[in-house]
Amino acid sequence: MSADHLSKEDILDKRKNTRQFINQMILLFPDAAEFMPLLFPQEATHFELKTKNEGCILKSSDGCILPHTARPHFCKIYPFWFFEDTPYLFEDSNCLALEDNQTIQEALFSLGTNSIKLKQMHMQLCHDWGIHHSIPHEKKRAFL
């Protein structure tokens, strides 16, 4: 598959906001748990990247076929995720970036990025999805 002539319909599936999907969103955004049913009402819809055999259809043996600038925010930061200001790695045996990199620092280095850039992309993702970034507990105490 070539990325040259792909449309949104080629790569996205429209899915219902099931209870399982909402629960997954709560795991990703625990500080926004009370707002998830409002942001993603059950039985409304959201878009997901299409998969085949439980893998992204855009994944080749060399990684994603989309140019970096065309990738969704989630894909740009994957396999990383942030809770408060701390980066974590998803556990994914199919992730090419994790085949030879076991630590966050190794993965950051191999992908040519750093936690500051990824944090900025994560915050943009939160903004685009209507999820407000939480203030870390230490900083909350400083403002009380």
Protein backbone atom coordinates (compact mmCIF):
# COMPACT_ATOMS: atom_id res chain seq x y z
CA MET A 1 0.00 0.00 0.00
CA SER A 2 1.30 3.45 -0.89
CA ALA A 3 0.49 6.58 1.09
CA ASP A 4 0.40 8.71 -2.08
CA HIS A 5 -3.28 8.31 -2.88
CA LEU A 6 -4.88 7.44 0.45
CA SER A 7 -8.06 9.19 1.52
CA LYS A 8 -9.58 9.41 5.00
CA GLU A 9 -12.03 6.70 3.98
CA ASP A 10 -9.11 4.42 3.11
CA ILE A 11 -7.56 4.63 6.56
CA LEU A 12 -10.35 5.46 9.03
CA ASP A 13 -13.25 3.46 10.42
CA LYS A 14 -16.21 5.06 12.15
CA ARG A 15 -16.91 3.25 15.43
CA LYS A 16 -19.52 3.56 18.15
CA ASN A 17 -18.46 4.89 21.52
CA THR A 18 -19.00 1.66 23.39
CA ARG A 19 -18.62 1.34 27.14
CA GLN A 20 -15.33 -0.52 26.50
CA PHE A 21 -14.02 2.39 24.38
CA ILE A 22 -14.99 4.93 27.06
CA ASN A 23 -13.27 2.79 29.72
CA GLN A 24 -10.10 2.70 27.59
CA MET A 25 -10.20 6.48 27.29
CA ILE A 26 -10.54 6.74 31.07
CA LEU A 27 -7.41 4.59 31.46
CA LEU A 28 -5.53 6.98 29.15
CA PHE A 29 -6.92 10.12 30.81
CA PRO A 30 -7.65 9.23 34.45
CA ASP A 31 -7.86 12.89 35.53
CA ALA A 32 -10.66 13.45 33.00
CA ALA A 33 -12.65 10.30 33.88
CA GLU A 34 -15.76 12.21 34.88
CA PHE A 35 -15.82 14.04 31.53
CA MET A 36 -15.30 11.04 29.23
CA PRO A 37 -19.00 10.16 28.91
CA LEU A 38 -19.63 13.81 27.93
CA LEU A 39 -16.76 13.95 25.42
CA PHE A 40 -17.57 10.55 23.97
CA PRO A 41 -21.30 9.89 24.54
CA GLN A 42 -22.17 6.22 24.45
CA GLU A 43 -23.58 5.19 21.05
CA ALA A 44 -22.19 8.33 19.36
CA THR A 45 -19.20 7.72 17.10
CA HIS A 46 -15.47 8.34 16.81
CA PHE A 47 -12.87 7.54 14.16
CA GLU A 48 -10.15 4.91 14.51
CA LEU A 49 -7.37 3.90 12.18
CA LYS A 50 -8.29 0.80 10.22
CA THR A 51 -6.68 -2.43 11.27
CA LYS A 52 -6.06 -5.77 9.65
CA ASN A 53 -5.16 -8.85 11.69
CA GLU A 54 -5.11 -6.61 14.81
CA GLY A 55 -2.43 -4.36 13.30
CA CYS A 56 -2.56 -0.92 11.74
CA ILE A 57 -3.01 -1.08 7.97
CA LEU A 58 -0.43 1.70 7.63
CA LYS A 59 2.37 -0.31 9.23
CA SER A 60 5.00 -1.74 6.89
CA SER A 61 8.14 -3.67 7.76
CA ASP A 62 9.92 -0.28 7.92
CA GLY A 63 7.29 1.42 10.08
CA CYS A 64 4.43 3.74 9.21
CA ILE A 65 3.93 4.47 5.51
CA LEU A 66 2.49 7.93 6.20
CA PRO A 67 4.88 10.88 6.16
CA HIS A 68 5.49 12.05 9.72
CA THR A 69 3.67 15.34 9.07
CA ALA A 70 0.52 13.49 7.94
CA ARG A 71 0.27 11.15 10.93
CA PRO A 72 -2.36 11.66 13.62
CA HIS A 73 -0.99 13.03 16.93
CA PHE A 74 -1.49 9.67 18.64
CA CYS A 75 0.69 7.98 16.02
CA LYS A 76 3.36 10.66 16.29
CA ILE A 77 3.85 9.99 19.99
CA TYR A 78 3.33 6.22 19.95
CA PRO A 79 4.66 4.08 21.73
CA PHE A 80 4.86 6.82 24.38
CA TRP A 81 2.12 8.19 26.61
CA PHE A 82 2.10 10.78 29.37
CA PHE A 83 0.55 10.72 32.81
CA GLU A 84 0.97 14.17 34.22
CA ASP A 85 4.45 15.13 32.97
CA THR A 86 5.99 11.65 33.04
CA PRO A 87 6.53 9.65 29.82
CA TYR A 88 5.67 5.94 29.76
CA LEU A 89 5.95 3.26 27.10
CA PHE A 90 3.00 1.17 25.97
CA GLU A 91 3.64 -2.55 26.08
CA ASP A 92 3.25 -3.65 22.47
CA SER A 93 4.99 -6.74 21.11
CA ASN A 94 4.10 -5.60 17.55
CA CYS A 95 5.71 -2.16 17.86
CA LEU A 96 8.84 -1.90 15.69
CA ALA A 97 10.27 0.87 17.89
CA LEU A 98 10.22 -1.44 20.91
CA GLU A 99 11.90 -4.45 19.25
CA ASP A 100 15.42 -3.24 20.05
CA ASN A 101 14.65 -0.59 22.66
CA GLN A 102 13.61 -1.56 26.15
CA THR A 103 13.84 1.75 28.01
CA ILE A 104 12.27 5.15 27.46
CA GLN A 105 15.68 6.72 26.82
CA GLU A 106 16.60 4.06 24.23
CA ALA A 107 13.27 4.49 22.44
CA LEU A 108 13.54 8.29 22.47
CA PHE A 109 17.05 8.11 21.02
CA SER A 110 16.17 5.56 18.33
CA LEU A 111 13.17 7.63 17.20
CA GLY A 112 15.21 10.83 17.14
CA THR A 113 13.00 12.68 19.58
CA ASN A 114 12.87 13.78 23.18
CA SER A 115 10.28 13.91 25.95
CA ILE A 116 9.75 17.67 25.55
CA LYS A 117 8.69 17.33 21.88
CA LEU A 118 6.49 14.34 22.70
CA LYS A 119 4.89 16.15 25.63
CA GLN A 120 4.02 19.07 23.33
CA MET A 121 2.40 16.65 20.85
CA HIS A 122 0.55 14.94 23.70
CA MET A 123 -0.81 18.29 24.87
CA GLN A 124 -1.91 19.09 21.28
CA LEU A 125 -3.66 15.71 21.10
CA CYS A 126 -5.46 16.49 24.38
CA HIS A 127 -6.49 19.91 23.07
CA ASP A 128 -7.74 18.48 19.76
CA TRP A 129 -9.76 15.82 21.58
CA GLY A 130 -11.24 18.39 23.99
CA ILE A 131 -9.40 16.96 26.99
CA HIS A 132 -7.74 19.52 29.17
CA HIS A 133 -4.27 18.64 30.41
CA SER A 134 -4.25 18.16 34.14
CA ILE A 135 -1.93 20.08 36.40
CA PRO A 136 0.41 17.69 38.25
CA HIS A 137 -0.44 17.22 41.93
CA GLU A 138 2.74 18.98 43.08
CA LYS A 139 1.84 22.06 41.04
CA LYS A 140 -1.79 21.94 42.23
CA ARG A 141 -0.59 22.19 45.83
CA ALA A 142 1.57 25.18 44.91
CA PHE A 143 -1.49 27.06 43.64
CA LEU A 144 -3.87 26.30 46.52
